[in-house]
Amino acid sequence: MNEIWAIIILTVAVVGIVWAIRNKAKSRPIPEAIRPGKTLPDFTVLDEDGTTLSSSSLRRSPTVLLFVRGTWCPFCSKQVANLTHYYNEITSAGARLILVTPKPLDTTRRVADAFGVNFEFWLDESLSVAKSLDLLSVDGVPGKHRADYGNDTSWPTSLVIDAEGVIQFAELSRFIVDRPNPEKLLAVVKRLQK
């Protein structure tokens, strides 16, 4: 009888450990600077024309702000492709859709143009924004792309910010390959309309 209880207790312990590990792997912790309910910190970037922009300019309308690793990343390209199906709904709901990329803007623009959408692109070439928001992915660029793109990049992150600049949604990719479902981003934007 003691052996049966020992097996039951051991089984419950193993199941508990496996459950805890799987739950921990389901999400990355949200950095303090971008937790929902906080105002998006001020930062500056360049737009496609080389004009300096401030994050405070986002306080006019809701915004979906996506930090992407770069055009070399097939998962980021797939994310852009998936978002094209929701672009009109997001912008019709009064929101802006902005992709923040380390570099280069010209190839990122070509991806969006191929899908016939007018995404806004912001350049964080020095990764100063990624560093300030605790989104830096050190050595995140695969070896074969480092000569062109450097070693570091941004961690894939999705934010929805309301018209007052308050973060309403934040999600970091867990393993590089995953991205939030665009429907989830659209649902948050629509909720902000009410």
N, C-alpha and C. Protein backbone atom coordinates (compact mmCIF):
# COMPACT_ATOMS: atom_id res chain seq x y z
N MET A 1 0.82 -1.20 0.00
CA MET A 1 0.00 0.00 0.00
C MET A 1 0.87 1.27 0.00
N ASN A 2 1.96 1.26 0.75
CA ASN A 2 2.87 2.40 0.79
C ASN A 2 3.49 2.66 -0.58
N GLU A 3 3.75 1.58 -1.32
CA GLU A 3 4.32 1.74 -2.66
C GLU A 3 3.34 2.43 -3.60
N ILE A 4 2.07 2.12 -3.48
CA ILE A 4 1.04 2.76 -4.32
C ILE A 4 0.97 4.25 -4.02
N TRP A 5 0.98 4.61 -2.72
CA TRP A 5 0.95 6.03 -2.35
C TRP A 5 2.21 6.75 -2.84
N ALA A 6 3.34 6.09 -2.75
CA ALA A 6 4.59 6.68 -3.23
C ALA A 6 4.52 6.96 -4.73
N ILE A 7 3.96 6.00 -5.48
CA ILE A 7 3.81 6.19 -6.93
C ILE A 7 2.84 7.33 -7.23
N ILE A 8 1.74 7.39 -6.51
CA ILE A 8 0.76 8.46 -6.71
C ILE A 8 1.39 9.82 -6.41
N ILE A 9 2.09 9.92 -5.29
CA ILE A 9 2.73 11.20 -4.92
C ILE A 9 3.79 11.58 -5.94
N LEU A 10 4.59 10.61 -6.37
CA LEU A 10 5.61 10.88 -7.39
C LEU A 10 4.97 11.34 -8.69
N THR A 11 3.90 10.69 -9.11
CA THR A 11 3.19 11.06 -10.34
C THR A 11 2.63 12.48 -10.24
N VAL A 12 2.00 12.79 -9.13
CA VAL A 12 1.45 14.14 -8.93
C VAL A 12 2.57 15.18 -8.96
N ALA A 13 3.70 14.87 -8.33
CA ALA A 13 4.84 15.80 -8.31
C ALA A 13 5.37 16.04 -9.72
N VAL A 14 5.54 14.96 -10.50
CA VAL A 14 6.05 15.09 -11.88
C VAL A 14 5.08 15.91 -12.73
N VAL A 15 3.78 15.60 -12.62
CA VAL A 15 2.78 16.35 -13.38
C VAL A 15 2.82 17.82 -12.98
N GLY A 16 2.96 18.09 -11.70
CA GLY A 16 3.03 19.48 -11.23
C GLY A 16 4.24 20.21 -11.77
N ILE A 17 5.38 19.55 -11.80
CA ILE A 17 6.60 20.17 -12.33
C ILE A 17 6.46 20.44 -13.82
N VAL A 18 5.96 19.46 -14.57
CA VAL A 18 5.75 19.64 -16.01
C VAL A 18 4.79 20.79 -16.26
N TRP A 19 3.69 20.86 -15.51
CA TRP A 19 2.71 21.94 -15.68
C TRP A 19 3.35 23.29 -15.40
N ALA A 20 4.16 23.38 -14.34
CA ALA A 20 4.82 24.66 -13.99
C ALA A 20 5.78 25.08 -15.08
N ILE A 21 6.55 24.15 -15.62
CA ILE A 21 7.50 24.48 -16.68
C ILE A 21 6.76 24.94 -17.93
N ARG A 22 5.71 24.25 -18.32
CA ARG A 22 4.95 24.64 -19.52
C ARG A 22 4.29 25.99 -19.34
N ASN A 23 3.75 26.27 -18.16
CA ASN A 23 3.13 27.58 -17.92
C ASN A 23 4.16 28.69 -17.96
N LYS A 24 5.33 28.45 -17.42
CA LYS A 24 6.38 29.46 -17.43
C LYS A 24 6.81 29.75 -18.87
N ALA A 25 6.82 28.73 -19.72
CA ALA A 25 7.24 28.91 -21.11
C ALA A 25 6.17 29.60 -21.96
N LYS A 26 4.95 29.73 -21.43
CA LYS A 26 3.88 30.32 -22.23
C LYS A 26 4.02 31.81 -22.44
N SER A 27 4.77 32.49 -21.60
CA SER A 27 4.89 33.92 -21.80
C SER A 27 6.22 34.43 -21.27
N ARG A 28 6.68 35.50 -21.86
CA ARG A 28 7.86 36.18 -21.37
C ARG A 28 7.38 37.31 -20.47
N PRO A 29 8.13 37.62 -19.47
CA PRO A 29 7.70 38.72 -18.60
C PRO A 29 7.71 40.05 -19.36
N ILE A 30 6.71 40.86 -19.09
CA ILE A 30 6.62 42.19 -19.71
C ILE A 30 7.56 43.12 -18.95
N PRO A 31 8.48 43.79 -19.64
CA PRO A 31 9.35 44.74 -18.94
C PRO A 31 8.53 45.84 -18.25
N GLU A 32 9.04 46.32 -17.17
CA GLU A 32 8.35 47.32 -16.35
C GLU A 32 7.95 48.55 -17.18
N ALA A 33 8.80 48.98 -18.10
CA ALA A 33 8.55 50.21 -18.87
C ALA A 33 7.33 50.11 -19.77
N ILE A 34 6.92 48.88 -20.13
CA ILE A 34 5.80 48.76 -21.08
C ILE A 34 4.65 47.94 -20.52
N ARG A 35 4.53 47.90 -19.23
CA ARG A 35 3.40 47.18 -18.62
C ARG A 35 2.09 47.89 -18.93
N PRO A 36 1.04 47.14 -19.23
CA PRO A 36 -0.26 47.77 -19.46
C PRO A 36 -0.65 48.64 -18.26
N GLY A 37 -1.22 49.80 -18.59
CA GLY A 37 -1.60 50.78 -17.57
C GLY A 37 -0.58 51.88 -17.42
N LYS A 38 0.63 51.67 -17.93
CA LYS A 38 1.68 52.70 -17.86
C LYS A 38 1.65 53.54 -19.12
N THR A 39 2.09 54.77 -19.00
CA THR A 39 2.24 55.63 -20.17
C THR A 39 3.49 55.20 -20.92
N LEU A 40 3.38 55.10 -22.24
CA LEU A 40 4.54 54.73 -23.05
C LEU A 40 5.65 55.75 -22.81
N PRO A 41 6.85 55.30 -22.45
CA PRO A 41 7.96 56.23 -22.22
C PRO A 41 8.28 57.03 -23.49
N ASP A 42 8.77 58.24 -23.29
CA ASP A 42 9.18 59.06 -24.43
C ASP A 42 10.45 58.52 -25.05
N PHE A 43 10.47 58.49 -26.38
CA PHE A 43 11.67 58.12 -27.11
C PHE A 43 11.59 58.77 -28.49
N THR A 44 12.71 58.81 -29.18
CA THR A 44 12.73 59.36 -30.53
C THR A 44 13.23 58.30 -31.50
N VAL A 45 12.72 58.40 -32.72
CA VAL A 45 13.09 57.49 -33.81
C VAL A 45 13.15 58.32 -35.09
N LEU A 46 13.50 57.67 -36.17
CA LEU A 46 13.44 58.29 -37.49
C LEU A 46 12.32 57.64 -38.28
N ASP A 47 11.63 58.44 -39.10
CA ASP A 47 10.65 57.84 -40.00
C ASP A 47 11.35 57.50 -41.31
N GLU A 48 10.58 57.06 -42.29
CA GLU A 48 11.16 56.63 -43.57
C GLU A 48 11.87 57.74 -44.32
N ASP A 49 11.48 58.99 -44.04
CA ASP A 49 12.12 60.12 -44.71
C ASP A 49 13.32 60.66 -43.95
N GLY A 50 13.64 60.04 -42.80
CA GLY A 50 14.76 60.51 -42.00
C GLY A 50 14.38 61.60 -41.01
N THR A 51 13.09 61.87 -40.88
CA THR A 51 12.62 62.89 -39.95
C THR A 51 12.56 62.30 -38.54
N THR A 52 13.03 63.07 -37.57
CA THR A 52 12.99 62.63 -36.19
C THR A 52 11.56 62.75 -35.66
N LEU A 53 11.08 61.68 -35.06
CA LEU A 53 9.74 61.64 -34.48
C LEU A 53 9.84 61.29 -33.01
N SER A 54 8.84 61.70 -32.25
CA SER A 54 8.78 61.38 -30.83
C SER A 54 7.60 60.47 -30.57
N SER A 55 7.78 59.58 -29.61
CA SER A 55 6.68 58.69 -29.23
C SER A 55 5.49 59.49 -28.69
N SER A 56 5.72 60.71 -28.25
CA SER A 56 4.61 61.53 -27.75
C SER A 56 3.62 61.86 -28.87
N SER A 57 4.06 61.73 -30.13
CA SER A 57 3.15 61.99 -31.26
C SER A 57 2.06 60.92 -31.35
N LEU A 58 2.22 59.82 -30.62
CA LEU A 58 1.23 58.75 -30.65
C LEU A 58 0.00 59.09 -29.80
N ARG A 59 0.05 60.20 -29.09
CA ARG A 59 -1.03 60.53 -28.17
C ARG A 59 -2.25 61.13 -28.86
N ARG A 60 -2.29 61.08 -30.16
CA ARG A 60 -3.45 61.62 -30.88
C ARG A 60 -4.49 60.56 -31.22
N SER A 61 -4.06 59.32 -31.31
CA SER A 61 -4.99 58.25 -31.69
C SER A 61 -4.44 56.92 -31.16
N PRO A 62 -5.30 55.92 -31.07
CA PRO A 62 -4.78 54.59 -30.68
C PRO A 62 -3.73 54.13 -31.69
N THR A 63 -2.80 53.33 -31.20
CA THR A 63 -1.71 52.86 -32.06
C THR A 63 -1.38 51.42 -31.75
N VAL A 64 -1.19 50.64 -32.80
CA VAL A 64 -0.60 49.32 -32.68
C VAL A 64 0.87 49.51 -33.05
N LEU A 65 1.74 49.24 -32.08
CA LEU A 65 3.17 49.46 -32.25
C LEU A 65 3.87 48.11 -32.16
N LEU A 66 4.53 47.72 -33.24
CA LEU A 66 5.18 46.41 -33.31
C LEU A 66 6.68 46.57 -33.46
N PHE A 67 7.42 45.95 -32.57
CA PHE A 67 8.87 45.91 -32.68
C PHE A 67 9.22 44.61 -33.40
N VAL A 68 9.86 44.76 -34.57
CA VAL A 68 10.22 43.59 -35.38
C VAL A 68 11.74 43.48 -35.45
N ARG A 69 12.21 42.27 -35.62
CA ARG A 69 13.64 42.00 -35.62
C ARG A 69 14.34 42.52 -36.87
N GLY A 70 13.68 42.42 -38.01
CA GLY A 70 14.29 42.87 -39.25
C GLY A 70 13.75 42.09 -40.42
N THR A 71 14.04 42.55 -41.62
CA THR A 71 13.52 41.90 -42.81
C THR A 71 14.16 40.54 -43.06
N TRP A 72 15.28 40.28 -42.45
CA TRP A 72 15.94 38.98 -42.57
C TRP A 72 15.19 37.89 -41.81
N CYS A 73 14.30 38.30 -40.91
CA CYS A 73 13.60 37.36 -40.04
C CYS A 73 12.33 36.84 -40.73
N PRO A 74 12.26 35.54 -41.05
CA PRO A 74 11.08 35.02 -41.73
C PRO A 74 9.81 35.11 -40.88
N PHE A 75 9.96 35.07 -39.56
CA PHE A 75 8.80 35.14 -38.69
C PHE A 75 8.23 36.57 -38.66
N CYS A 76 9.12 37.56 -38.74
CA CYS A 76 8.66 38.96 -38.81
C CYS A 76 7.96 39.20 -40.15
N SER A 77 8.52 38.67 -41.23
CA SER A 77 7.88 38.83 -42.54
C SER A 77 6.50 38.18 -42.55
N LYS A 78 6.38 37.02 -41.91
CA LYS A 78 5.08 36.35 -41.82
C LYS A 78 4.11 37.19 -40.98
N GLN A 79 4.62 37.81 -39.92
CA GLN A 79 3.77 38.67 -39.08
C GLN A 79 3.24 39.85 -39.90
N VAL A 80 4.10 40.46 -40.69
CA VAL A 80 3.68 41.57 -41.55
C VAL A 80 2.63 41.08 -42.54
N ALA A 81 2.87 39.91 -43.13
CA ALA A 81 1.91 39.36 -44.08
C ALA A 81 0.56 39.11 -43.40
N ASN A 82 0.57 38.56 -42.19
CA ASN A 82 -0.68 38.31 -41.47
C ASN A 82 -1.40 39.61 -41.13
N LEU A 83 -0.64 40.63 -40.79
CA LEU A 83 -1.25 41.91 -40.43
C LEU A 83 -1.91 42.61 -41.61
N THR A 84 -1.44 42.30 -42.81
CA THR A 84 -2.03 42.95 -43.98
C THR A 84 -3.52 42.65 -44.09
N HIS A 85 -3.93 41.49 -43.62
CA HIS A 85 -5.35 41.12 -43.69
C HIS A 85 -6.20 41.91 -42.70
N TYR A 86 -5.56 42.51 -41.71
CA TYR A 86 -6.28 43.25 -40.67
C TYR A 86 -5.99 44.75 -40.73
N TYR A 87 -5.11 45.14 -41.65
CA TYR A 87 -4.69 46.54 -41.73
C TYR A 87 -5.89 47.48 -41.88
N ASN A 88 -6.76 47.19 -42.83
CA ASN A 88 -7.91 48.08 -43.06
C ASN A 88 -8.83 48.16 -41.85
N GLU A 89 -9.05 47.03 -41.18
CA GLU A 89 -9.91 47.04 -40.00
C GLU A 89 -9.28 47.84 -38.86
N ILE A 90 -7.97 47.69 -38.68
CA ILE A 90 -7.29 48.42 -37.62
C ILE A 90 -7.33 49.92 -37.89
N THR A 91 -7.01 50.31 -39.12
CA THR A 91 -7.00 51.74 -39.43
C THR A 91 -8.42 52.31 -39.51
N SER A 92 -9.39 51.50 -39.94
CA SER A 92 -10.78 51.97 -39.96
C SER A 92 -11.31 52.19 -38.54
N ALA A 93 -10.72 51.50 -37.58
CA ALA A 93 -11.10 51.69 -36.18
C ALA A 93 -10.40 52.92 -35.58
N GLY A 94 -9.68 53.66 -36.42
CA GLY A 94 -9.05 54.90 -35.97
C GLY A 94 -7.66 54.75 -35.41
N ALA A 95 -7.05 53.58 -35.57
CA ALA A 95 -5.72 53.35 -35.01
C ALA A 95 -4.64 53.45 -36.09
N ARG A 96 -3.45 53.79 -35.65
CA ARG A 96 -2.28 53.74 -36.51
C ARG A 96 -1.62 52.38 -36.33
N LEU A 97 -0.92 51.94 -37.35
CA LEU A 97 -0.17 50.69 -37.29
C LEU A 97 1.27 51.01 -37.67
N ILE A 98 2.16 50.88 -36.68
CA ILE A 98 3.56 51.30 -36.87
C ILE A 98 4.47 50.12 -36.55
N LEU A 99 5.43 49.87 -37.43
CA LEU A 99 6.44 48.85 -37.20
C LEU A 99 7.75 49.56 -36.88
N VAL A 100 8.35 49.18 -35.76
CA VAL A 100 9.66 49.72 -35.37
C VAL A 100 10.69 48.66 -35.71
N THR A 101 11.63 49.03 -36.55
CA THR A 101 12.62 48.08 -37.04
C THR A 101 14.03 48.63 -36.85
N PRO A 102 15.00 47.76 -36.58
CA PRO A 102 16.37 48.26 -36.42
C PRO A 102 16.96 48.81 -37.72
N LYS A 103 16.69 48.16 -38.84
CA LYS A 103 17.16 48.60 -40.14
C LYS A 103 16.96 47.51 -41.16
N PRO A 104 17.10 47.74 -42.40
CA PRO A 104 16.94 49.04 -43.08
C PRO A 104 15.48 49.24 -43.45
N LEU A 105 15.09 50.46 -43.56
CA LEU A 105 13.69 50.76 -43.85
C LEU A 105 13.30 50.41 -45.28
N ASP A 106 14.22 50.56 -46.22
CA ASP A 106 13.85 50.35 -47.62
C ASP A 106 13.38 48.93 -47.88
N THR A 107 14.05 47.94 -47.29
CA THR A 107 13.61 46.57 -47.53
C THR A 107 12.34 46.25 -46.75
N THR A 108 12.17 46.87 -45.59
CA THR A 108 10.94 46.68 -44.84
C THR A 108 9.77 47.26 -45.61
N ARG A 109 9.97 48.40 -46.20
CA ARG A 109 8.93 49.05 -47.01
C ARG A 109 8.56 48.16 -48.19
N ARG A 110 9.55 47.52 -48.81
CA ARG A 110 9.25 46.64 -49.95
C ARG A 110 8.33 45.49 -49.54
N VAL A 111 8.53 44.97 -48.32
CA VAL A 111 7.66 43.88 -47.84
C VAL A 111 6.23 44.37 -47.76
N ALA A 112 6.02 45.55 -47.16
CA ALA A 112 4.67 46.10 -47.03
C ALA A 112 4.08 46.43 -48.40
N ASP A 113 4.88 47.00 -49.29
CA ASP A 113 4.39 47.33 -50.62
C ASP A 113 3.96 46.09 -51.40
N ALA A 114 4.68 44.99 -51.18
CA ALA A 114 4.34 43.75 -51.87
C ALA A 114 2.93 43.28 -51.48
N PHE A 115 2.51 43.63 -50.27
CA PHE A 115 1.18 43.24 -49.81
C PHE A 115 0.16 44.35 -49.97
N GLY A 116 0.59 45.49 -50.53
CA GLY A 116 -0.33 46.58 -50.84
C GLY A 116 -0.89 47.29 -49.61
N VAL A 117 -0.08 47.46 -48.57
CA VAL A 117 -0.54 48.17 -47.37
C VAL A 117 0.38 49.35 -47.10
N ASN A 118 -0.14 50.29 -46.34
CA ASN A 118 0.61 51.51 -46.07
C ASN A 118 1.03 51.59 -44.61
N PHE A 119 1.73 50.57 -44.13
CA PHE A 119 2.24 50.60 -42.76
C PHE A 119 3.16 51.80 -42.59
N GLU A 120 3.21 52.30 -41.39
CA GLU A 120 4.23 53.30 -41.04
C GLU A 120 5.43 52.53 -40.49
N PHE A 121 6.62 52.99 -40.82
CA PHE A 121 7.83 52.37 -40.31
C PHE A 121 8.66 53.39 -39.57
N TRP A 122 9.11 53.01 -38.41
CA TRP A 122 10.02 53.83 -37.62
C TRP A 122 11.34 53.07 -37.48
N LEU A 123 12.42 53.82 -37.53
CA LEU A 123 13.76 53.22 -37.49
C LEU A 123 14.40 53.45 -36.12
N ASP A 124 14.82 52.36 -35.50
CA ASP A 124 15.57 52.38 -34.24
C ASP A 124 16.95 51.79 -34.52
N GLU A 125 17.69 52.48 -35.38
CA GLU A 125 18.96 51.94 -35.89
C GLU A 125 19.98 51.67 -34.79
N SER A 126 20.06 52.54 -33.80
CA SER A 126 21.04 52.34 -32.72
C SER A 126 20.51 51.41 -31.63
N LEU A 127 19.26 50.98 -31.78
CA LEU A 127 18.58 50.14 -30.80
C LEU A 127 18.44 50.82 -29.45
N SER A 128 18.51 52.16 -29.45
CA SER A 128 18.37 52.90 -28.18
C SER A 128 16.97 52.75 -27.60
N VAL A 129 15.96 52.67 -28.47
CA VAL A 129 14.59 52.49 -27.97
C VAL A 129 14.45 51.08 -27.39
N ALA A 130 14.93 50.09 -28.11
CA ALA A 130 14.87 48.71 -27.62
C ALA A 130 15.58 48.60 -26.26
N LYS A 131 16.72 49.27 -26.12
CA LYS A 131 17.45 49.23 -24.84
C LYS A 131 16.63 49.92 -23.75
N SER A 132 16.08 51.08 -24.05
CA SER A 132 15.37 51.85 -23.01
C SER A 132 14.09 51.15 -22.56
N LEU A 133 13.49 50.35 -23.43
CA LEU A 133 12.26 49.64 -23.08
C LEU A 133 12.53 48.21 -22.61
N ASP A 134 13.80 47.86 -22.52
CA ASP A 134 14.22 46.52 -22.11
C ASP A 134 13.75 45.46 -23.11
N LEU A 135 13.88 45.80 -24.40
CA LEU A 135 13.48 44.89 -25.48
C LEU A 135 14.67 44.46 -26.33
N LEU A 136 15.89 44.73 -25.87
CA LEU A 136 17.07 44.39 -26.64
C LEU A 136 17.29 42.88 -26.64
N SER A 137 17.51 42.33 -27.82
CA SER A 137 17.85 40.92 -27.96
C SER A 137 19.33 40.85 -28.32
N VAL A 138 20.16 40.66 -27.30
CA VAL A 138 21.61 40.61 -27.48
C VAL A 138 21.97 39.35 -28.27
N ASP A 139 22.78 39.53 -29.30
CA ASP A 139 23.17 38.43 -30.19
C ASP A 139 21.96 37.75 -30.81
N GLY A 140 20.89 38.52 -31.04
CA GLY A 140 19.66 37.97 -31.60
C GLY A 140 19.66 37.82 -33.11
N VAL A 141 20.66 38.38 -33.77
CA VAL A 141 20.74 38.25 -35.23
C VAL A 141 21.54 36.99 -35.54
N PRO A 142 20.98 36.09 -36.36
CA PRO A 142 21.72 34.87 -36.72
C PRO A 142 23.05 35.21 -37.40
N GLY A 143 24.02 34.33 -37.20
CA GLY A 143 25.38 34.55 -37.70
C GLY A 143 25.49 34.97 -39.15
N LYS A 144 24.70 34.34 -40.02
CA LYS A 144 24.84 34.64 -41.45
C LYS A 144 24.36 36.04 -41.82
N HIS A 145 23.60 36.70 -40.94
CA HIS A 145 23.10 38.05 -41.23
C HIS A 145 23.85 39.14 -40.48
N ARG A 146 24.78 38.77 -39.62
CA ARG A 146 25.45 39.76 -38.76
C ARG A 146 26.30 40.76 -39.54
N ALA A 147 26.89 40.35 -40.64
CA ALA A 147 27.71 41.28 -41.41
C ALA A 147 26.88 42.47 -41.91
N ASP A 148 25.63 42.21 -42.25
CA ASP A 148 24.76 43.28 -42.76
C ASP A 148 23.94 43.97 -41.68
N TYR A 149 23.60 43.26 -40.60
CA TYR A 149 22.65 43.79 -39.62
C TYR A 149 23.20 43.93 -38.21
N GLY A 150 24.44 43.55 -37.97
CA GLY A 150 24.99 43.63 -36.63
C GLY A 150 24.58 42.41 -35.81
N ASN A 151 24.95 42.41 -34.53
CA ASN A 151 24.69 41.25 -33.66
C ASN A 151 23.36 41.32 -32.94
N ASP A 152 22.95 42.53 -32.57
CA ASP A 152 21.79 42.70 -31.70
C ASP A 152 20.57 43.18 -32.49
N THR A 153 19.41 42.94 -31.92
CA THR A 153 18.16 43.38 -32.55
C THR A 153 17.12 43.61 -31.46
N SER A 154 15.91 43.90 -31.86
CA SER A 154 14.80 44.06 -30.91
C SER A 154 14.14 42.72 -30.66
N TRP A 155 13.61 42.55 -29.44
CA TRP A 155 12.81 41.36 -29.17
C TRP A 155 11.43 41.61 -29.77
N PRO A 156 10.85 40.66 -30.50
CA PRO A 156 9.53 40.86 -31.10
C PRO A 156 8.48 41.18 -30.03
N THR A 157 7.88 42.35 -30.16
CA THR A 157 6.96 42.85 -29.14
C THR A 157 5.80 43.56 -29.81
N SER A 158 4.61 43.39 -29.25
CA SER A 158 3.41 44.07 -29.76
C SER A 158 2.80 44.89 -28.64
N LEU A 159 2.50 46.14 -28.95
CA LEU A 159 1.87 47.04 -27.99
C LEU A 159 0.63 47.65 -28.63
N VAL A 160 -0.39 47.89 -27.82
CA VAL A 160 -1.51 48.72 -28.26
C VAL A 160 -1.59 49.85 -27.25
N ILE A 161 -1.55 51.07 -27.77
CA ILE A 161 -1.50 52.27 -26.95
C ILE A 161 -2.75 53.08 -27.24
N ASP A 162 -3.39 53.61 -26.20
CA ASP A 162 -4.59 54.41 -26.43
C ASP A 162 -4.23 55.84 -26.82
N ALA A 163 -5.22 56.66 -27.09
CA ALA A 163 -5.00 58.03 -27.58
C ALA A 163 -4.34 58.92 -26.54
N GLU A 164 -4.32 58.51 -25.29
CA GLU A 164 -3.64 59.28 -24.24
C GLU A 164 -2.21 58.81 -24.03
N GLY A 165 -1.79 57.82 -24.78
CA GLY A 165 -0.43 57.30 -24.66
C GLY A 165 -0.27 56.22 -23.62
N VAL A 166 -1.39 55.68 -23.12
CA VAL A 166 -1.33 54.63 -22.09
C VAL A 166 -1.34 53.26 -22.77
N ILE A 167 -0.45 52.41 -22.34
CA ILE A 167 -0.34 51.07 -22.90
C ILE A 167 -1.53 50.24 -22.41
N GLN A 168 -2.30 49.72 -23.37
CA GLN A 168 -3.47 48.90 -23.05
C GLN A 168 -3.21 47.41 -23.24
N PHE A 169 -2.18 47.09 -24.02
CA PHE A 169 -1.86 45.69 -24.32
C PHE A 169 -0.37 45.60 -24.60
N ALA A 170 0.26 44.58 -24.05
CA ALA A 170 1.68 44.33 -24.33
C ALA A 170 1.90 42.83 -24.36
N GLU A 171 2.59 42.38 -25.40
CA GLU A 171 2.92 40.96 -25.49
C GLU A 171 4.27 40.80 -26.16
N LEU A 172 5.13 40.04 -25.53
CA LEU A 172 6.42 39.70 -26.11
C LEU A 172 6.34 38.29 -26.66
N SER A 173 6.97 38.07 -27.79
CA SER A 173 7.04 36.72 -28.33
C SER A 173 7.77 35.84 -27.34
N ARG A 174 7.35 34.60 -27.26
CA ARG A 174 7.97 33.67 -26.31
C ARG A 174 9.28 33.12 -26.83
N PHE A 175 9.28 32.68 -28.09
CA PHE A 175 10.43 31.95 -28.62
C PHE A 175 10.91 32.47 -29.97
N ILE A 176 10.66 33.68 -30.33
CA ILE A 176 11.01 34.27 -31.61
C ILE A 176 10.03 33.86 -32.71
N VAL A 177 9.58 32.61 -32.74
CA VAL A 177 8.75 32.14 -33.85
C VAL A 177 7.28 32.55 -33.71
N ASP A 178 6.85 32.83 -32.50
CA ASP A 178 5.44 33.14 -32.29
C ASP A 178 5.20 34.65 -32.30
N ARG A 179 4.02 35.03 -32.69
CA ARG A 179 3.59 36.43 -32.68
C ARG A 179 2.14 36.45 -32.23
N PRO A 180 1.68 37.57 -31.66
CA PRO A 180 0.26 37.61 -31.27
C PRO A 180 -0.64 37.52 -32.49
N ASN A 181 -1.76 36.91 -32.30
CA ASN A 181 -2.76 36.83 -33.35
C ASN A 181 -3.23 38.24 -33.67
N PRO A 182 -3.24 38.65 -34.93
CA PRO A 182 -3.70 40.00 -35.28
C PRO A 182 -5.13 40.28 -34.80
N GLU A 183 -5.94 39.24 -34.70
CA GLU A 183 -7.31 39.42 -34.20
C GLU A 183 -7.30 39.94 -32.77
N LYS A 184 -6.33 39.50 -31.99
CA LYS A 184 -6.21 39.95 -30.60
C LYS A 184 -5.90 41.46 -30.58
N LEU A 185 -4.99 41.89 -31.44
CA LEU A 185 -4.64 43.31 -31.51
C LEU A 185 -5.85 44.13 -31.95
N LEU A 186 -6.58 43.63 -32.95
CA LEU A 186 -7.77 44.33 -33.44
C LEU A 186 -8.84 44.42 -32.36
N ALA A 187 -9.01 43.37 -31.58
CA ALA A 187 -10.00 43.38 -30.51
C ALA A 187 -9.69 44.47 -29.48
N VAL A 188 -8.42 44.65 -29.16
CA VAL A 188 -8.03 45.70 -28.21
C VAL A 188 -8.32 47.07 -28.81
N VAL A 189 -7.98 47.26 -30.08
CA VAL A 189 -8.25 48.54 -30.75
C VAL A 189 -9.75 48.84 -30.75
N LYS A 190 -10.55 47.84 -31.07
CA LYS A 190 -12.00 48.05 -31.10
C LYS A 190 -12.55 48.38 -29.71
N ARG A 191 -11.97 47.76 -28.70
CA ARG A 191 -12.40 48.05 -27.33
C ARG A 191 -12.14 49.51 -26.98
N LEU A 192 -11.07 50.08 -27.56
CA LEU A 192 -10.73 51.49 -27.29
C LEU A 192 -11.70 52.45 -27.94
N GLN A 193 -12.44 51.98 -28.93
CA GLN A 193 -13.45 52.83 -29.61
C GLN A 193 -14.62 53.12 -28.71
N LYS A 194 -14.90 52.25 -27.76
CA LYS A 194 -16.10 52.35 -26.94
C LYS A 194 -15.97 53.39 -25.86
